[in-house]
PDB file of all heavy atoms in Angstrom:
ATOM      1  N   ALA A   1     -27.220  -5.189-121.628  1.00  0.00           N
ATOM      2  CA  ALA A   1     -27.947  -4.785-122.835  1.00  0.00           C
ATOM      3  C   ALA A   1     -27.602  -5.689-124.016  1.00  0.00           C
ATOM      4  O   ALA A   1     -28.489  -6.071-124.792  1.00  0.00           O
ATOM      5  CB  ALA A   1     -27.642  -3.332-123.167  1.00  0.00           C
ATOM      6  N   THR A   2     -26.335  -6.040-124.138  1.00  0.00           N
ATOM      7  CA  THR A   2     -25.923  -6.938-125.220  1.00  0.00           C
ATOM      8  C   THR A   2     -26.564  -8.310-125.043  1.00  0.00           C
ATOM      9  O   THR A   2     -27.070  -8.901-126.004  1.00  0.00           O
ATOM     10  CB  THR A   2     -24.385  -7.063-125.268  1.00  0.00           C
ATOM     11  OG1 THR A   2     -23.812  -5.762-125.393  1.00  0.00           O
ATOM     12  CG2 THR A   2     -23.936  -7.921-126.432  1.00  0.00           C
ATOM     13  N   ALA A   3     -26.563  -8.802-123.823  1.00  0.00           N
ATOM     14  CA  ALA A   3     -27.211 -10.095-123.551  1.00  0.00           C
ATOM     15  C   ALA A   3     -28.700 -10.026-123.862  1.00  0.00           C
ATOM     16  O   ALA A   3     -29.270 -10.963-124.432  1.00  0.00           O
ATOM     17  CB  ALA A   3     -26.980 -10.500-122.097  1.00  0.00           C
ATOM     18  N   ALA A   4     -29.334  -8.914-123.525  1.00  0.00           N
ATOM     19  CA  ALA A   4     -30.779  -8.765-123.765  1.00  0.00           C
ATOM     20  C   ALA A   4     -31.102  -8.743-125.258  1.00  0.00           C
ATOM     21  O   ALA A   4     -32.064  -9.393-125.696  1.00  0.00           O
ATOM     22  CB  ALA A   4     -31.291  -7.497-123.094  1.00  0.00           C
ATOM     23  N   THR A   5     -30.320  -8.011-126.045  1.00  0.00           N
ATOM     24  CA  THR A   5     -30.611  -7.954-127.483  1.00  0.00           C
ATOM     25  C   THR A   5     -30.350  -9.302-128.153  1.00  0.00           C
ATOM     26  O   THR A   5     -31.101  -9.719-129.033  1.00  0.00           O
ATOM     27  CB  THR A   5     -29.805  -6.853-128.186  1.00  0.00           C
ATOM     28  OG1 THR A   5     -28.396  -7.071-127.987  1.00  0.00           O
ATOM     29  CG2 THR A   5     -30.196  -5.471-127.686  1.00  0.00           C
ATOM     30  N   LEU A   6     -29.312  -9.990-127.709  1.00  0.00           N
ATOM     31  CA  LEU A   6     -29.021 -11.307-128.272  1.00  0.00           C
ATOM     32  C   LEU A   6     -30.099 -12.317-127.876  1.00  0.00           C
ATOM     33  O   LEU A   6     -30.554 -13.111-128.704  1.00  0.00           O
ATOM     34  CB  LEU A   6     -27.638 -11.770-127.807  1.00  0.00           C
ATOM     35  CG  LEU A   6     -26.985 -12.869-128.619  1.00  0.00           C
ATOM     36  CD1 LEU A   6     -26.856 -12.487-130.089  1.00  0.00           C
ATOM     37  CD2 LEU A   6     -25.613 -13.176-128.050  1.00  0.00           C
ATOM     38  N   ALA A   7     -30.533 -12.268-126.630  1.00  0.00           N
ATOM     39  CA  ALA A   7     -31.616 -13.154-126.189  1.00  0.00           C
ATOM     40  C   ALA A   7     -32.921 -12.809-126.910  1.00  0.00           C
ATOM     41  O   ALA A   7     -33.709 -13.710-127.235  1.00  0.00           O
ATOM     42  CB  ALA A   7     -31.799 -13.050-124.677  1.00  0.00           C
ATOM     43  N   GLY A   8     -33.144 -11.526-127.169  1.00  0.00           N
ATOM     44  CA  GLY A   8     -34.335 -11.122-127.914  1.00  0.00           C
ATOM     45  C   GLY A   8     -34.348 -11.716-129.315  1.00  0.00           C
ATOM     46  O   GLY A   8     -35.379 -12.225-129.777  1.00  0.00           O
ATOM     47  N   SER A   9     -33.215 -11.676-129.975  1.00  0.00           N
ATOM     48  CA  SER A   9     -33.103 -12.295-131.295  1.00  0.00           C
ATOM     49  C   SER A   9     -33.347 -13.796-131.200  1.00  0.00           C
ATOM     50  O   SER A   9     -34.057 -14.373-132.040  1.00  0.00           O
ATOM     51  CB  SER A   9     -31.715 -12.023-131.881  1.00  0.00           C
ATOM     52  OG  SER A   9     -31.525 -12.767-133.064  1.00  0.00           O
ATOM     53  N   GLY A  10     -32.791 -14.426-130.182  1.00  0.00           N
ATOM     54  CA  GLY A  10     -33.004 -15.857-129.983  1.00  0.00           C
ATOM     55  C   GLY A  10     -34.469 -16.174-129.752  1.00  0.00           C
ATOM     56  O   GLY A  10     -34.996 -17.160-130.291  1.00  0.00           O
ATOM     57  N   TYR A  11     -35.142 -15.358-128.971  1.00  0.00           N
ATOM     58  CA  TYR A  11     -36.564 -15.573-128.699  1.00  0.00           C
ATOM     59  C   TYR A  11     -37.385 -15.483-129.978  1.00  0.00           C
ATOM     60  O   TYR A  11     -38.282 -16.305-130.219  1.00  0.00           O
ATOM     61  CB  TYR A  11     -37.076 -14.558-127.667  1.00  0.00           C
ATOM     62  CG  TYR A  11     -38.558 -14.687-127.451  1.00  0.00           C
ATOM     63  CD1 TYR A  11     -39.072 -15.702-126.650  1.00  0.00           C
ATOM     64  CD2 TYR A  11     -39.443 -13.823-128.073  1.00  0.00           C
ATOM     65  CE1 TYR A  11     -40.451 -15.840-126.465  1.00  0.00           C
ATOM     66  CE2 TYR A  11     -40.811 -13.946-127.903  1.00  0.00           C
ATOM     67  CZ  TYR A  11     -41.306 -14.962-127.091  1.00  0.00           C
ATOM     68  OH  TYR A  11     -42.658 -15.097-126.929  1.00  0.00           O
ATOM     69  N   ILE A  12     -37.092 -14.493-130.794  1.00  0.00           N
ATOM     70  CA  ILE A  12     -37.834 -14.331-132.053  1.00  0.00           C
ATOM     71  C   ILE A  12     -37.633 -15.559-132.942  1.00  0.00           C
ATOM     72  O   ILE A  12     -38.584 -16.093-133.512  1.00  0.00           O
ATOM     73  CB  ILE A  12     -37.392 -13.045-132.782  1.00  0.00           C
ATOM     74  CG1 ILE A  12     -37.843 -11.817-131.981  1.00  0.00           C
ATOM     75  CG2 ILE A  12     -37.933 -13.006-134.208  1.00  0.00           C
ATOM     76  CD1 ILE A  12     -37.190 -10.525-132.404  1.00  0.00           C
ATOM     77  N   HIS A  13     -36.382 -16.026-133.047  1.00  0.00           N
ATOM     78  CA  HIS A  13     -36.117 -17.199-133.881  1.00  0.00           C
ATOM     79  C   HIS A  13     -36.766 -18.458-133.297  1.00  0.00           C
ATOM     80  O   HIS A  13     -37.262 -19.308-134.047  1.00  0.00           O
ATOM     81  CB  HIS A  13     -34.615 -17.379-134.084  1.00  0.00           C
ATOM     82  CG  HIS A  13     -34.057 -16.439-135.098  1.00  0.00           C
ATOM     83  ND1 HIS A  13     -33.722 -15.142-134.797  1.00  0.00           N
ATOM     84  CD2 HIS A  13     -33.811 -16.597-136.415  1.00  0.00           C
ATOM     85  CE1 HIS A  13     -33.283 -14.544-135.891  1.00  0.00           C
ATOM     86  NE2 HIS A  13     -33.327 -15.406-136.898  1.00  0.00           N
ATOM     87  N   ALA A  14     -36.781 -18.581-131.975  1.00  0.00           N
ATOM     88  CA  ALA A  14     -37.443 -19.726-131.345  1.00  0.00           C
ATOM     89  C   ALA A  14     -38.943 -19.690-131.600  1.00  0.00           C
ATOM     90  O   ALA A  14     -39.564 -20.719-131.908  1.00  0.00           O
ATOM     91  CB  ALA A  14     -37.154 -19.744-129.847  1.00  0.00           C
ATOM     92  N   GLN A  15     -39.527 -18.512-131.484  1.00  0.00           N
ATOM     93  CA  GLN A  15     -40.959 -18.354-131.735  1.00  0.00           C
ATOM     94  C   GLN A  15     -41.291 -18.711-133.185  1.00  0.00           C
ATOM     95  O   GLN A  15     -42.265 -19.424-133.450  1.00  0.00           O
ATOM     96  CB  GLN A  15     -41.386 -16.916-131.435  1.00  0.00           C
ATOM     97  CG  GLN A  15     -42.846 -16.646-131.718  1.00  0.00           C
ATOM     98  CD  GLN A  15     -43.192 -15.170-131.659  1.00  0.00           C
ATOM     99  OE1 GLN A  15     -42.370 -14.325-132.018  1.00  0.00           O
ATOM    100  NE2 GLN A  15     -44.392 -14.865-131.222  1.00  0.00           N
ATOM    101  N   LEU A  16     -40.493 -18.226-134.119  1.00  0.00           N
ATOM    102  CA  LEU A  16     -40.741 -18.543-135.526  1.00  0.00           C
ATOM    103  C   LEU A  16     -40.566 -20.035-135.794  1.00  0.00           C
ATOM    104  O   LEU A  16     -41.316 -20.625-136.575  1.00  0.00           O
ATOM    105  CB  LEU A  16     -39.815 -17.721-136.429  1.00  0.00           C
ATOM    106  CG  LEU A  16     -40.163 -16.236-136.535  1.00  0.00           C
ATOM    107  CD1 LEU A  16     -39.058 -15.480-137.248  1.00  0.00           C
ATOM    108  CD2 LEU A  16     -41.494 -16.051-137.237  1.00  0.00           C
ATOM    109  N   TYR A  17     -39.585 -20.639-135.153  1.00  0.00           N
ATOM    110  CA  TYR A  17     -39.383 -22.079-135.314  1.00  0.00           C
ATOM    111  C   TYR A  17     -40.626 -22.843-134.863  1.00  0.00           C
ATOM    112  O   TYR A  17     -41.135 -23.694-135.580  1.00  0.00           O
ATOM    113  CB  TYR A  17     -38.155 -22.541-134.520  1.00  0.00           C
ATOM    114  CG  TYR A  17     -38.022 -24.039-134.499  1.00  0.00           C
ATOM    115  CD1 TYR A  17     -37.485 -24.713-135.586  1.00  0.00           C
ATOM    116  CD2 TYR A  17     -38.459 -24.780-133.412  1.00  0.00           C
ATOM    117  CE1 TYR A  17     -37.387 -26.096-135.585  1.00  0.00           C
ATOM    118  CE2 TYR A  17     -38.368 -26.165-133.398  1.00  0.00           C
ATOM    119  CZ  TYR A  17     -37.830 -26.813-134.493  1.00  0.00           C
ATOM    120  OH  TYR A  17     -37.745 -28.180-134.498  1.00  0.00           O
ATOM    121  N   VAL A  18     -41.110 -22.532-133.675  1.00  0.00           N
ATOM    122  CA  VAL A  18     -42.270 -23.244-133.126  1.00  0.00           C
ATOM    123  C   VAL A  18     -43.526 -22.983-133.957  1.00  0.00           C
ATOM    124  O   VAL A  18     -44.303 -23.907-134.234  1.00  0.00           O
ATOM    125  CB  VAL A  18     -42.500 -22.842-131.651  1.00  0.00           C
ATOM    126  CG1 VAL A  18     -43.836 -23.343-131.140  1.00  0.00           C
ATOM    127  CG2 VAL A  18     -41.362 -23.352-130.788  1.00  0.00           C
ATOM    128  N   ASP A  19     -43.737 -21.734-134.368  1.00  0.00           N
ATOM    129  CA  ASP A  19     -44.971 -21.372-135.066  1.00  0.00           C
ATOM    130  C   ASP A  19     -45.050 -21.896-136.496  1.00  0.00           C
ATOM    131  O   ASP A  19     -46.119 -22.300-136.936  1.00  0.00           O
ATOM    132  CB  ASP A  19     -45.151 -19.849-135.079  1.00  0.00           C
ATOM    133  CG  ASP A  19     -45.486 -19.305-133.707  1.00  0.00           C
ATOM    134  OD1 ASP A  19     -45.821 -20.112-132.811  1.00  0.00           O
ATOM    135  OD2 ASP A  19     -45.396 -18.076-133.520  1.00  0.00           O
ATOM    136  N   GLU A  20     -43.924 -21.864-137.239  1.00  0.00           N
ATOM    137  CA  GLU A  20     -44.038 -22.242-138.645  1.00  0.00           C
ATOM    138  C   GLU A  20     -42.774 -22.785-139.286  1.00  0.00           C
ATOM    139  O   GLU A  20     -42.849 -23.627-140.175  1.00  0.00           O
ATOM    140  CB  GLU A  20     -44.564 -21.060-139.471  1.00  0.00           C
ATOM    141  CG  GLU A  20     -43.861 -19.741-139.188  1.00  0.00           C
ATOM    142  CD  GLU A  20     -44.585 -18.540-139.765  1.00  0.00           C
ATOM    143  OE1 GLU A  20     -44.426 -18.300-140.973  1.00  0.00           O
ATOM    144  OE2 GLU A  20     -45.297 -17.853-139.009  1.00  0.00           O
ATOM    145  N   TYR A  21     -41.605 -22.360-138.866  1.00  0.00           N
ATOM    146  CA  TYR A  21     -40.380 -22.687-139.589  1.00  0.00           C
ATOM    147  C   TYR A  21     -39.866 -24.106-139.331  1.00  0.00           C
ATOM    148  O   TYR A  21     -39.038 -24.600-140.085  1.00  0.00           O
ATOM    149  CB  TYR A  21     -39.289 -21.667-139.275  1.00  0.00           C
ATOM    150  CG  TYR A  21     -39.509 -20.356-139.988  1.00  0.00           C
ATOM    151  CD1 TYR A  21     -40.559 -19.523-139.632  1.00  0.00           C
ATOM    152  CD2 TYR A  21     -38.688 -19.960-141.022  1.00  0.00           C
ATOM    153  CE1 TYR A  21     -40.783 -18.331-140.289  1.00  0.00           C
ATOM    154  CE2 TYR A  21     -38.890 -18.769-141.688  1.00  0.00           C
ATOM    155  CZ  TYR A  21     -39.949 -17.953-141.320  1.00  0.00           C
ATOM    156  OH  TYR A  21     -40.169 -16.780-141.984  1.00  0.00           O
ATOM    157  N   ARG A  22     -40.358 -24.778-138.312  1.00  0.00           N
ATOM    158  CA  ARG A  22     -39.876 -26.133-138.024  1.00  0.00           C
ATOM    159  C   ARG A  22     -40.229 -27.109-139.141  1.00  0.00           C
ATOM    160  O   ARG A  22     -39.633 -28.165-139.249  1.00  0.00           O
ATOM    161  CB  ARG A  22     -40.416 -26.625-136.690  1.00  0.00           C
ATOM    162  CG  ARG A  22     -41.899 -26.876-136.687  1.00  0.00           C
ATOM    163  CD  ARG A  22     -42.354 -27.458-135.365  1.00  0.00           C
ATOM    164  NE  ARG A  22     -43.794 -27.592-135.371  1.00  0.00           N
ATOM    165  CZ  ARG A  22     -44.580 -27.149-134.432  1.00  0.00           C
ATOM    166  NH1 ARG A  22     -44.066 -26.550-133.382  1.00  0.00           N
ATOM    167  NH2 ARG A  22     -45.873 -27.306-134.524  1.00  0.00           N
ATOM    168  N   PHE A  23     -41.178 -26.735-139.979  1.00  0.00           N
ATOM    169  CA  PHE A  23     -41.597 -27.607-141.067  1.00  0.00           C
ATOM    170  C   PHE A  23     -40.791 -27.382-142.344  1.00  0.00           C
ATOM    171  O   PHE A  23     -40.982 -28.109-143.318  1.00  0.00           O
ATOM    172  CB  PHE A  23     -43.093 -27.400-141.357  1.00  0.00           C
ATOM    173  CG  PHE A  23     -43.945 -27.667-140.149  1.00  0.00           C
ATOM    174  CD1 PHE A  23     -44.606 -26.632-139.507  1.00  0.00           C
ATOM    175  CD2 PHE A  23     -44.073 -28.951-139.645  1.00  0.00           C
ATOM    176  CE1 PHE A  23     -45.396 -26.879-138.394  1.00  0.00           C
ATOM    177  CE2 PHE A  23     -44.856 -29.208-138.529  1.00  0.00           C
ATOM    178  CZ  PHE A  23     -45.511 -28.167-137.902  1.00  0.00           C
ATOM    179  N   ILE A  24     -39.915 -26.382-142.354  1.00  0.00           N
ATOM    180  CA  ILE A  24     -39.127 -26.079-143.545  1.00  0.00           C
ATOM    181  C   ILE A  24     -37.802 -26.834-143.448  1.00  0.00           C
ATOM    182  O   ILE A  24     -37.030 -26.640-142.507  1.00  0.00           O
ATOM    183  CB  ILE A  24     -38.879 -24.564-143.682  1.00  0.00           C
ATOM    184  CG1 ILE A  24     -40.213 -23.821-143.715  1.00  0.00           C
ATOM    185  CG2 ILE A  24     -38.057 -24.261-144.927  1.00  0.00           C
ATOM    186  CD1 ILE A  24     -40.092 -22.318-143.605  1.00  0.00           C
ATOM    187  N   HIS A  25     -37.550 -27.705-144.436  1.00  0.00           N
ATOM    188  CA  HIS A  25     -36.358 -28.547-144.448  1.00  0.00           C
ATOM    189  C   HIS A  25     -35.091 -27.702-144.312  1.00  0.00           C
ATOM    190  O   HIS A  25     -34.942 -26.697-144.990  1.00  0.00           O
ATOM    191  CB  HIS A  25     -36.325 -29.366-145.746  1.00  0.00           C
ATOM    192  CG  HIS A  25     -35.177 -30.294-145.834  1.00  0.00           C
ATOM    193  ND1 HIS A  25     -35.056 -31.400-145.009  1.00  0.00           N
ATOM    194  CD2 HIS A  25     -34.090 -30.286-146.618  1.00  0.00           C
ATOM    195  CE1 HIS A  25     -33.934 -32.030-145.306  1.00  0.00           C
ATOM    196  NE2 HIS A  25     -33.341 -31.372-146.278  1.00  0.00           N
ATOM    197  N   VAL A  26     -34.208 -28.066-143.459  1.00  0.00           N
ATOM    198  CA  VAL A  26     -32.912 -27.446-143.136  1.00  0.00           C
ATOM    199  C   VAL A  26     -33.088 -26.075-142.486  1.00  0.00           C
ATOM    200  O   VAL A  26     -32.509 -25.802-141.449  1.00  0.00           O
ATOM    201  CB  VAL A  26     -31.956 -27.366-144.344  1.00  0.00           C
ATOM    202  CG1 VAL A  26     -30.635 -26.735-143.963  1.00  0.00           C
ATOM    203  CG2 VAL A  26     -31.718 -28.740-144.959  1.00  0.00           C
ATOM    204  N   VAL A  27     -33.881 -25.208-143.072  1.00  0.00           N
ATOM    205  CA  VAL A  27     -34.060 -23.853-142.548  1.00  0.00           C
ATOM    206  C   VAL A  27     -34.631 -23.898-141.134  1.00  0.00           C
ATOM    207  O   VAL A  27     -34.206 -23.137-140.259  1.00  0.00           O
ATOM    208  CB  VAL A  27     -34.950 -23.015-143.489  1.00  0.00           C
ATOM    209  CG1 VAL A  27     -35.293 -21.665-142.875  1.00  0.00           C
ATOM    210  CG2 VAL A  27     -34.260 -22.834-144.828  1.00  0.00           C
ATOM    211  N   GLY A  28     -35.554 -24.795-140.893  1.00  0.00           N
ATOM    212  CA  GLY A  28     -36.124 -24.929-139.549  1.00  0.00           C
ATOM    213  C   GLY A  28     -35.052 -25.244-138.521  1.00  0.00           C
ATOM    214  O   GLY A  28     -35.010 -24.634-137.441  1.00  0.00           O
ATOM    215  N   LEU A  29     -34.172 -26.180-138.853  1.00  0.00           N
ATOM    216  CA  LEU A  29     -33.081 -26.515-137.931  1.00  0.00           C
ATOM    217  C   LEU A  29     -32.129 -25.343-137.727  1.00  0.00           C
ATOM    218  O   LEU A  29     -31.596 -25.160-136.633  1.00  0.00           O
ATOM    219  CB  LEU A  29     -32.316 -27.736-138.438  1.00  0.00           C
ATOM    220  CG  LEU A  29     -33.087 -29.056-138.348  1.00  0.00           C
ATOM    221  CD1 LEU A  29     -32.270 -30.179-138.977  1.00  0.00           C
ATOM    222  CD2 LEU A  29     -33.432 -29.373-136.914  1.00  0.00           C
ATOM    223  N   LEU A  30     -31.915 -24.553-138.768  1.00  0.00           N
ATOM    224  CA  LEU A  30     -31.051 -23.372-138.632  1.00  0.00           C
ATOM    225  C   LEU A  30     -31.676 -22.345-137.680  1.00  0.00           C
ATOM    226  O   LEU A  30     -30.961 -21.696-136.911  1.00  0.00           O
ATOM    227  CB  LEU A  30     -30.777 -22.750-140.003  1.00  0.00           C
ATOM    228  CG  LEU A  30     -29.922 -23.595-140.945  1.00  0.00           C
ATOM    229  CD1 LEU A  30     -29.836 -22.930-142.323  1.00  0.00           C
ATOM    230  CD2 LEU A  30     -28.529 -23.816-140.364  1.00  0.00           C
ATOM    231  N   PHE A  31     -32.991 -22.205-137.720  1.00  0.00           N
ATOM    232  CA  PHE A  31     -33.673 -21.299-136.787  1.00  0.00           C
ATOM    233  C   PHE A  31     -33.518 -21.804-135.354  1.00  0.00           C
ATOM    234  O   PHE A  31     -33.265 -21.024-134.432  1.00  0.00           O
ATOM    235  CB  PHE A  31     -35.155 -21.158-137.152  1.00  0.00           C
ATOM    236  CG  PHE A  31     -35.441 -20.010-138.061  1.00  0.00           C
ATOM    237  CD1 PHE A  31     -35.020 -20.035-139.377  1.00  0.00           C
ATOM    238  CD2 PHE A  31     -36.127 -18.898-137.609  1.00  0.00           C
ATOM    239  CE1 PHE A  31     -35.269 -18.970-140.229  1.00  0.00           C
ATOM    240  CE2 PHE A  31     -36.379 -17.825-138.451  1.00  0.00           C
ATOM    241  CZ  PHE A  31     -35.949 -17.870-139.764  1.00  0.00           C
ATOM    242  N   LEU A  32     -33.664 -23.098-135.166  1.00  0.00           N
ATOM    243  CA  LEU A  32     -33.502 -23.683-133.842  1.00  0.00           C
ATOM    244  C   LEU A  32     -32.059 -23.522-133.350  1.00  0.00           C
ATOM    245  O   LEU A  32     -31.826 -23.174-132.185  1.00  0.00           O
ATOM    246  CB  LEU A  32     -33.892 -25.163-133.871  1.00  0.00           C
ATOM    247  CG  LEU A  32     -33.878 -25.900-132.544  1.00  0.00           C
ATOM    248  CD1 LEU A  32     -34.830 -25.246-131.548  1.00  0.00           C
ATOM    249  CD2 LEU A  32     -34.248 -27.365-132.770  1.00  0.00           C
ATOM    250  N   LEU A  33     -31.097 -23.723-134.222  1.00  0.00           N
ATOM    251  CA  LEU A  33     -29.684 -23.557-133.867  1.00  0.00           C
ATOM    252  C   LEU A  33     -29.387 -22.103-133.506  1.00  0.00           C
ATOM    253  O   LEU A  33     -28.691 -21.828-132.519  1.00  0.00           O
ATOM    254  CB  LEU A  33     -28.796 -24.014-135.022  1.00  0.00           C
ATOM    255  CG  LEU A  33     -27.297 -23.854-134.824  1.00  0.00           C
ATOM    256  CD1 LEU A  33     -26.811 -24.747-133.682  1.00  0.00           C
ATOM    257  CD2 LEU A  33     -26.558 -24.188-136.113  1.00  0.00           C
ATOM    258  N   GLN A  34     -29.918 -21.166-134.283  1.00  0.00           N
ATOM    259  CA  GLN A  34     -29.679 -19.752-134.000  1.00  0.00           C
ATOM    260  C   GLN A  34     -30.286 -19.363-132.659  1.00  0.00           C
ATOM    261  O   GLN A  34     -29.662 -18.664-131.864  1.00  0.00           O
ATOM    262  CB  GLN A  34     -30.265 -18.884-135.126  1.00  0.00           C
ATOM    263  CG  GLN A  34     -29.740 -17.459-135.157  1.00  0.00           C
ATOM    264  CD  GLN A  34     -30.351 -16.519-134.145  1.00  0.00           C
ATOM    265  OE1 GLN A  34     -31.453 -16.733-133.650  1.00  0.00           O
ATOM    266  NE2 GLN A  34     -29.645 -15.472-133.820  1.00  0.00           N
ATOM    267  N   ALA A  35     -31.491 -19.827-132.382  1.00  0.00           N
ATOM    268  CA  ALA A  35     -32.141 -19.515-131.107  1.00  0.00           C
ATOM    269  C   ALA A  35     -31.347 -20.090-129.938  1.00  0.00           C
ATOM    270  O   ALA A  35     -31.065 -19.390-128.960  1.00  0.00           O
ATOM    271  CB  ALA A  35     -33.567 -20.060-131.095  1.00  0.00           C
ATOM    272  N   SER A  36     -30.943 -21.337-130.040  1.00  0.00           N
ATOM    273  CA  SER A  36     -30.197 -21.989-128.961  1.00  0.00           C
ATOM    274  C   SER A  36     -28.866 -21.303-128.712  1.00  0.00           C
ATOM    275  O   SER A  36     -28.481 -21.054-127.565  1.00  0.00           O
ATOM    276  CB  SER A  36     -29.951 -23.460-129.315  1.00  0.00           C
ATOM    277  OG  SER A  36     -31.160 -24.123-129.534  1.00  0.00           O
ATOM    278  N   THR A  37     -28.166 -20.995-129.778  1.00  0.00           N
ATOM    279  CA  THR A  37     -26.864 -20.336-129.652  1.00  0.00           C
ATOM    280  C   THR A  37     -27.018 -18.942-129.053  1.00  0.00           C
ATOM    281  O   THR A  37     -26.234 -18.536-128.195  1.00  0.00           O
ATOM    282  CB  THR A  37     -26.166 -20.258-131.020  1.00  0.00           C
ATOM    283  OG1 THR A  37     -26.090 -21.576-131.568  1.00  0.00           O
ATOM    284  CG2 THR A  37     -24.776 -19.686-130.903  1.00  0.00           C
ATOM    285  N   SER A  38     -28.027 -18.217-129.495  1.00  0.00           N
ATOM    286  CA  SER A  38     -28.262 -16.870-128.959  1.00  0.00           C
ATOM    287  C   SER A  38     -28.524 -16.916-127.460  1.00  0.00           C
ATOM    288  O   SER A  38     -27.963 -16.113-126.705  1.00  0.00           O
ATOM    289  CB  SER A  38     -29.450 -16.212-129.659  1.00  0.00           C
ATOM    290  OG  SER A  38     -29.139 -15.923-130.988  1.00  0.00           O
ATOM    291  N   PHE A  39     -29.365 -17.852-127.015  1.00  0.00           N
ATOM    292  CA  PHE A  39     -29.663 -17.956-125.585  1.00  0.00           C
ATOM    293  C   PHE A  39     -28.416 -18.335-124.790  1.00  0.00           C
ATOM    294  O   PHE A  39     -28.157 -17.781-123.714  1.00  0.00           O
ATOM    295  CB  PHE A  39     -30.768 -18.983-125.331  1.00  0.00           C
ATOM    296  CG  PHE A  39     -32.137 -18.521-125.754  1.00  0.00           C
ATOM    297  CD1 PHE A  39     -32.991 -19.382-126.423  1.00  0.00           C
ATOM    298  CD2 PHE A  39     -32.596 -17.236-125.489  1.00  0.00           C
ATOM    299  CE1 PHE A  39     -34.263 -18.972-126.809  1.00  0.00           C
ATOM    300  CE2 PHE A  39     -33.862 -16.818-125.862  1.00  0.00           C
ATOM    301  CZ  PHE A  39     -34.693 -17.693-126.534  1.00  0.00           C
ATOM    302  N   ALA A  40     -27.639 -19.271-125.298  1.00  0.00           N
ATOM    303  CA  ALA A  40     -26.437 -19.712-124.583  1.00  0.00           C
ATOM    304  C   ALA A  40     -25.409 -18.586-124.468  1.00  0.00           C
ATOM    305  O   ALA A  40     -24.863 -18.342-123.384  1.00  0.00           O
ATOM    306  CB  ALA A  40     -25.823 -20.923-125.292  1.00  0.00           C
ATOM    307  N   VAL A  41     -25.161 -17.889-125.561  1.00  0.00           N
ATOM    308  CA  VAL A  41     -24.183 -16.799-125.542  1.00  0.00           C
ATOM    309  C   VAL A  41     -24.691 -15.652-124.669  1.00  0.00           C
ATOM    310  O   VAL A  41     -23.921 -15.048-123.917  1.00  0.00           O
ATOM    311  CB  VAL A  41     -23.846 -16.333-126.976  1.00  0.00           C
ATOM    312  CG1 VAL A  41     -22.962 -15.095-126.962  1.00  0.00           C
ATOM    313  CG2 VAL A  41     -23.161 -17.466-127.747  1.00  0.00           C
ATOM    314  N   ALA A  42     -25.986 -15.359-124.732  1.00  0.00           N
ATOM    315  CA  ALA A  42     -26.556 -14.296-123.886  1.00  0.00           C
ATOM    316  C   ALA A  42     -26.360 -14.624-122.409  1.00  0.00           C
ATOM    317  O   ALA A  42     -25.996 -13.751-121.613  1.00  0.00           O
ATOM    318  CB  ALA A  42     -28.035 -14.102-124.199  1.00  0.00           C
TER     319      ALA A  42
END
């Protein structure tokens, strides 16, 4: 369950990165970092 909730958060951040946040300076990279870290830890 913990892995699932963490992966869910990562998925949401990855989706937001791809859809719109990748164009926002620094913040886009932070979304990508959060998604990657969430998936790895999950």
